[in-house]
Amino acid sequence: MRHSPGLRMESRGLRPECLRAQDRVLVVAGHSAYDWEWIVEHSPLVVDTRNATKVVRSDWGRVVRA
């Protein structure tokens, strides 16, 4: 992996309070193991680049499919 100055990444547990604390959640892999409806429900904004949220029945106006 290439080092990018100023880029900080860390893994965190997928908990409602963690999702709510983010500006946005970026989906870069559409793994079926995730409960996308639950993730959208607890996130302020989801930017979905993999169409993983296509299974979400109601996006609550918080999903941008890119």
N, C-alpha and C. Protein backbone atom coordinates (compact mmCIF):
# COMPACT_ATOMS: atom_id res chain seq x y z
N MET A 1 0.85 -1.18 0.00
CA MET A 1 0.00 0.00 0.00
C MET A 1 0.89 1.24 0.00
N ARG A 2 0.55 2.17 -0.81
CA ARG A 2 1.31 3.42 -0.92
C ARG A 2 0.98 4.36 0.22
N HIS A 3 1.99 5.02 0.73
CA HIS A 3 1.78 5.99 1.81
C HIS A 3 1.31 7.31 1.21
N SER A 4 0.25 7.85 1.76
CA SER A 4 -0.28 9.14 1.32
C SER A 4 -0.19 10.12 2.48
N PRO A 5 0.64 11.14 2.38
CA PRO A 5 0.77 12.11 3.47
C PRO A 5 -0.59 12.71 3.83
N GLY A 6 -0.87 12.80 5.11
CA GLY A 6 -2.11 13.42 5.57
C GLY A 6 -3.31 12.49 5.58
N LEU A 7 -3.18 11.31 5.02
CA LEU A 7 -4.29 10.36 5.00
C LEU A 7 -4.18 9.45 6.21
N ARG A 8 -5.20 9.48 7.03
CA ARG A 8 -5.22 8.63 8.22
C ARG A 8 -6.40 7.68 8.14
N MET A 9 -6.11 6.41 8.25
CA MET A 9 -7.18 5.42 8.20
C MET A 9 -7.07 4.54 9.43
N GLU A 10 -8.21 4.21 9.99
CA GLU A 10 -8.22 3.28 11.12
C GLU A 10 -9.52 2.49 11.08
N SER A 11 -9.45 1.28 11.52
CA SER A 11 -10.61 0.41 11.55
C SER A 11 -11.39 0.65 12.84
N ARG A 12 -12.69 0.68 12.72
CA ARG A 12 -13.57 0.84 13.88
C ARG A 12 -14.71 -0.16 13.77
N GLY A 13 -15.26 -0.50 14.92
CA GLY A 13 -16.40 -1.40 14.93
C GLY A 13 -17.62 -0.73 14.30
N LEU A 14 -18.46 -1.51 13.70
CA LEU A 14 -19.65 -0.99 13.05
C LEU A 14 -20.76 -0.88 14.09
N ARG A 15 -20.82 0.29 14.73
CA ARG A 15 -21.81 0.55 15.77
C ARG A 15 -22.58 1.82 15.38
N PRO A 16 -23.84 1.94 15.80
CA PRO A 16 -24.63 3.12 15.45
C PRO A 16 -23.96 4.43 15.81
N GLU A 17 -23.37 4.53 17.01
CA GLU A 17 -22.75 5.79 17.42
C GLU A 17 -21.53 6.13 16.56
N CYS A 18 -20.83 5.13 16.10
CA CYS A 18 -19.68 5.36 15.22
C CYS A 18 -20.15 5.88 13.86
N LEU A 19 -21.20 5.26 13.31
CA LEU A 19 -21.72 5.69 12.01
C LEU A 19 -22.27 7.12 12.09
N ARG A 20 -23.03 7.42 13.14
CA ARG A 20 -23.62 8.75 13.29
C ARG A 20 -22.56 9.84 13.44
N ALA A 21 -21.40 9.49 13.97
CA ALA A 21 -20.34 10.47 14.21
C ALA A 21 -19.57 10.84 12.94
N GLN A 22 -19.81 10.15 11.84
CA GLN A 22 -19.09 10.42 10.60
C GLN A 22 -19.82 11.46 9.75
N ASP A 23 -19.06 12.16 8.92
CA ASP A 23 -19.68 13.08 7.96
C ASP A 23 -20.40 12.30 6.88
N ARG A 24 -19.79 11.21 6.45
CA ARG A 24 -20.35 10.35 5.41
C ARG A 24 -19.70 8.99 5.50
N VAL A 25 -20.38 8.01 4.93
CA VAL A 25 -19.87 6.65 4.84
C VAL A 25 -19.70 6.36 3.36
N LEU A 26 -18.52 5.95 2.97
CA LEU A 26 -18.21 5.67 1.57
C LEU A 26 -18.18 4.17 1.35
N VAL A 27 -19.01 3.69 0.44
CA VAL A 27 -19.05 2.27 0.12
C VAL A 27 -18.17 2.03 -1.10
N VAL A 28 -17.10 1.27 -0.89
CA VAL A 28 -16.17 0.97 -1.99
C VAL A 28 -16.13 -0.52 -2.31
N ALA A 29 -16.84 -1.32 -1.52
CA ALA A 29 -16.96 -2.75 -1.77
C ALA A 29 -18.37 -3.17 -1.35
N GLY A 30 -19.07 -3.84 -2.24
CA GLY A 30 -20.46 -4.19 -1.98
C GLY A 30 -20.64 -5.57 -1.40
N HIS A 31 -19.99 -5.85 -0.30
CA HIS A 31 -20.07 -7.18 0.32
C HIS A 31 -21.49 -7.47 0.82
N SER A 32 -21.96 -8.65 0.52
CA SER A 32 -23.32 -9.02 0.92
C SER A 32 -23.44 -9.35 2.41
N ALA A 33 -22.34 -9.45 3.10
CA ALA A 33 -22.37 -9.77 4.54
C ALA A 33 -22.87 -8.59 5.38
N TYR A 34 -22.88 -7.40 4.81
CA TYR A 34 -23.29 -6.21 5.57
C TYR A 34 -24.79 -5.98 5.45
N ASP A 35 -25.37 -5.47 6.51
CA ASP A 35 -26.79 -5.11 6.53
C ASP A 35 -26.87 -3.66 6.08
N TRP A 36 -27.02 -3.46 4.78
CA TRP A 36 -26.96 -2.11 4.20
C TRP A 36 -28.11 -1.25 4.68
N GLU A 37 -29.27 -1.82 4.89
CA GLU A 37 -30.40 -1.04 5.40
C GLU A 37 -30.07 -0.47 6.79
N TRP A 38 -29.47 -1.29 7.65
CA TRP A 38 -29.08 -0.86 8.99
C TRP A 38 -28.01 0.22 8.91
N ILE A 39 -27.05 0.06 8.02
CA ILE A 39 -25.97 1.04 7.86
C ILE A 39 -26.55 2.38 7.40
N VAL A 40 -27.44 2.36 6.41
CA VAL A 40 -28.06 3.60 5.93
C VAL A 40 -28.88 4.25 7.04
N GLU A 41 -29.60 3.45 7.79
CA GLU A 41 -30.45 3.98 8.87
C GLU A 41 -29.63 4.75 9.91
N HIS A 42 -28.41 4.33 10.17
CA HIS A 42 -27.59 4.94 11.22
C HIS A 42 -26.54 5.92 10.71
N SER A 43 -26.48 6.15 9.41
CA SER A 43 -25.47 7.03 8.83
C SER A 43 -26.09 8.35 8.38
N PRO A 44 -25.36 9.46 8.54
CA PRO A 44 -25.90 10.73 8.08
C PRO A 44 -25.96 10.82 6.56
N LEU A 45 -25.00 10.20 5.89
CA LEU A 45 -24.93 10.20 4.43
C LEU A 45 -24.13 8.99 3.99
N VAL A 46 -24.63 8.28 2.97
CA VAL A 46 -23.91 7.14 2.41
C VAL A 46 -23.66 7.43 0.94
N VAL A 47 -22.39 7.39 0.55
CA VAL A 47 -22.00 7.53 -0.85
C VAL A 47 -21.67 6.12 -1.33
N ASP A 48 -22.51 5.58 -2.19
CA ASP A 48 -22.41 4.19 -2.62
C ASP A 48 -21.84 4.11 -4.03
N THR A 49 -20.60 3.66 -4.14
CA THR A 49 -19.95 3.55 -5.46
C THR A 49 -20.10 2.15 -6.06
N ARG A 50 -20.72 1.22 -5.33
CA ARG A 50 -20.82 -0.17 -5.77
C ARG A 50 -22.26 -0.66 -5.92
N ASN A 51 -23.23 0.21 -5.75
CA ASN A 51 -24.65 -0.14 -5.82
C ASN A 51 -25.02 -1.19 -4.76
N ALA A 52 -24.30 -1.19 -3.66
CA ALA A 52 -24.57 -2.13 -2.58
C ALA A 52 -25.89 -1.83 -1.88
N THR A 53 -26.31 -0.58 -1.90
CA THR A 53 -27.53 -0.19 -1.20
C THR A 53 -28.79 -0.38 -2.04
N LYS A 54 -28.65 -1.04 -3.17
CA LYS A 54 -29.83 -1.28 -4.01
C LYS A 54 -30.90 -2.08 -3.28
N VAL A 55 -30.49 -2.83 -2.25
CA VAL A 55 -31.43 -3.63 -1.47
C VAL A 55 -32.15 -2.82 -0.40
N VAL A 56 -31.73 -1.58 -0.20
CA VAL A 56 -32.34 -0.73 0.84
C VAL A 56 -33.70 -0.27 0.34
N ARG A 57 -34.72 -0.56 1.12
CA ARG A 57 -36.09 -0.22 0.73
C ARG A 57 -36.37 1.27 0.83
N SER A 58 -35.86 1.87 1.87
CA SER A 58 -36.07 3.30 2.07
C SER A 58 -34.72 3.92 2.39
N ASP A 59 -34.27 4.85 1.58
CA ASP A 59 -32.93 5.40 1.80
C ASP A 59 -32.97 6.64 2.68
N TRP A 60 -34.14 7.02 3.15
CA TRP A 60 -34.28 8.15 4.06
C TRP A 60 -33.60 9.41 3.48
N GLY A 61 -33.42 9.48 2.17
CA GLY A 61 -32.78 10.63 1.53
C GLY A 61 -31.31 10.77 1.84
N ARG A 62 -30.69 9.72 2.33
CA ARG A 62 -29.29 9.81 2.74
C ARG A 62 -28.35 9.00 1.88
N VAL A 63 -28.81 8.48 0.76
CA VAL A 63 -27.93 7.67 -0.09
C VAL A 63 -27.69 8.40 -1.40
N VAL A 64 -26.42 8.51 -1.75
CA VAL A 64 -26.02 9.03 -3.06
C VAL A 64 -25.38 7.86 -3.78
N ARG A 65 -25.96 7.49 -4.87
CA ARG A 65 -25.39 6.38 -5.66
C ARG A 65 -24.55 6.98 -6.78
N ALA A 66 -23.27 6.71 -6.69
CA ALA A 66 -22.32 7.30 -7.65
C ALA A 66 -21.73 6.25 -8.55
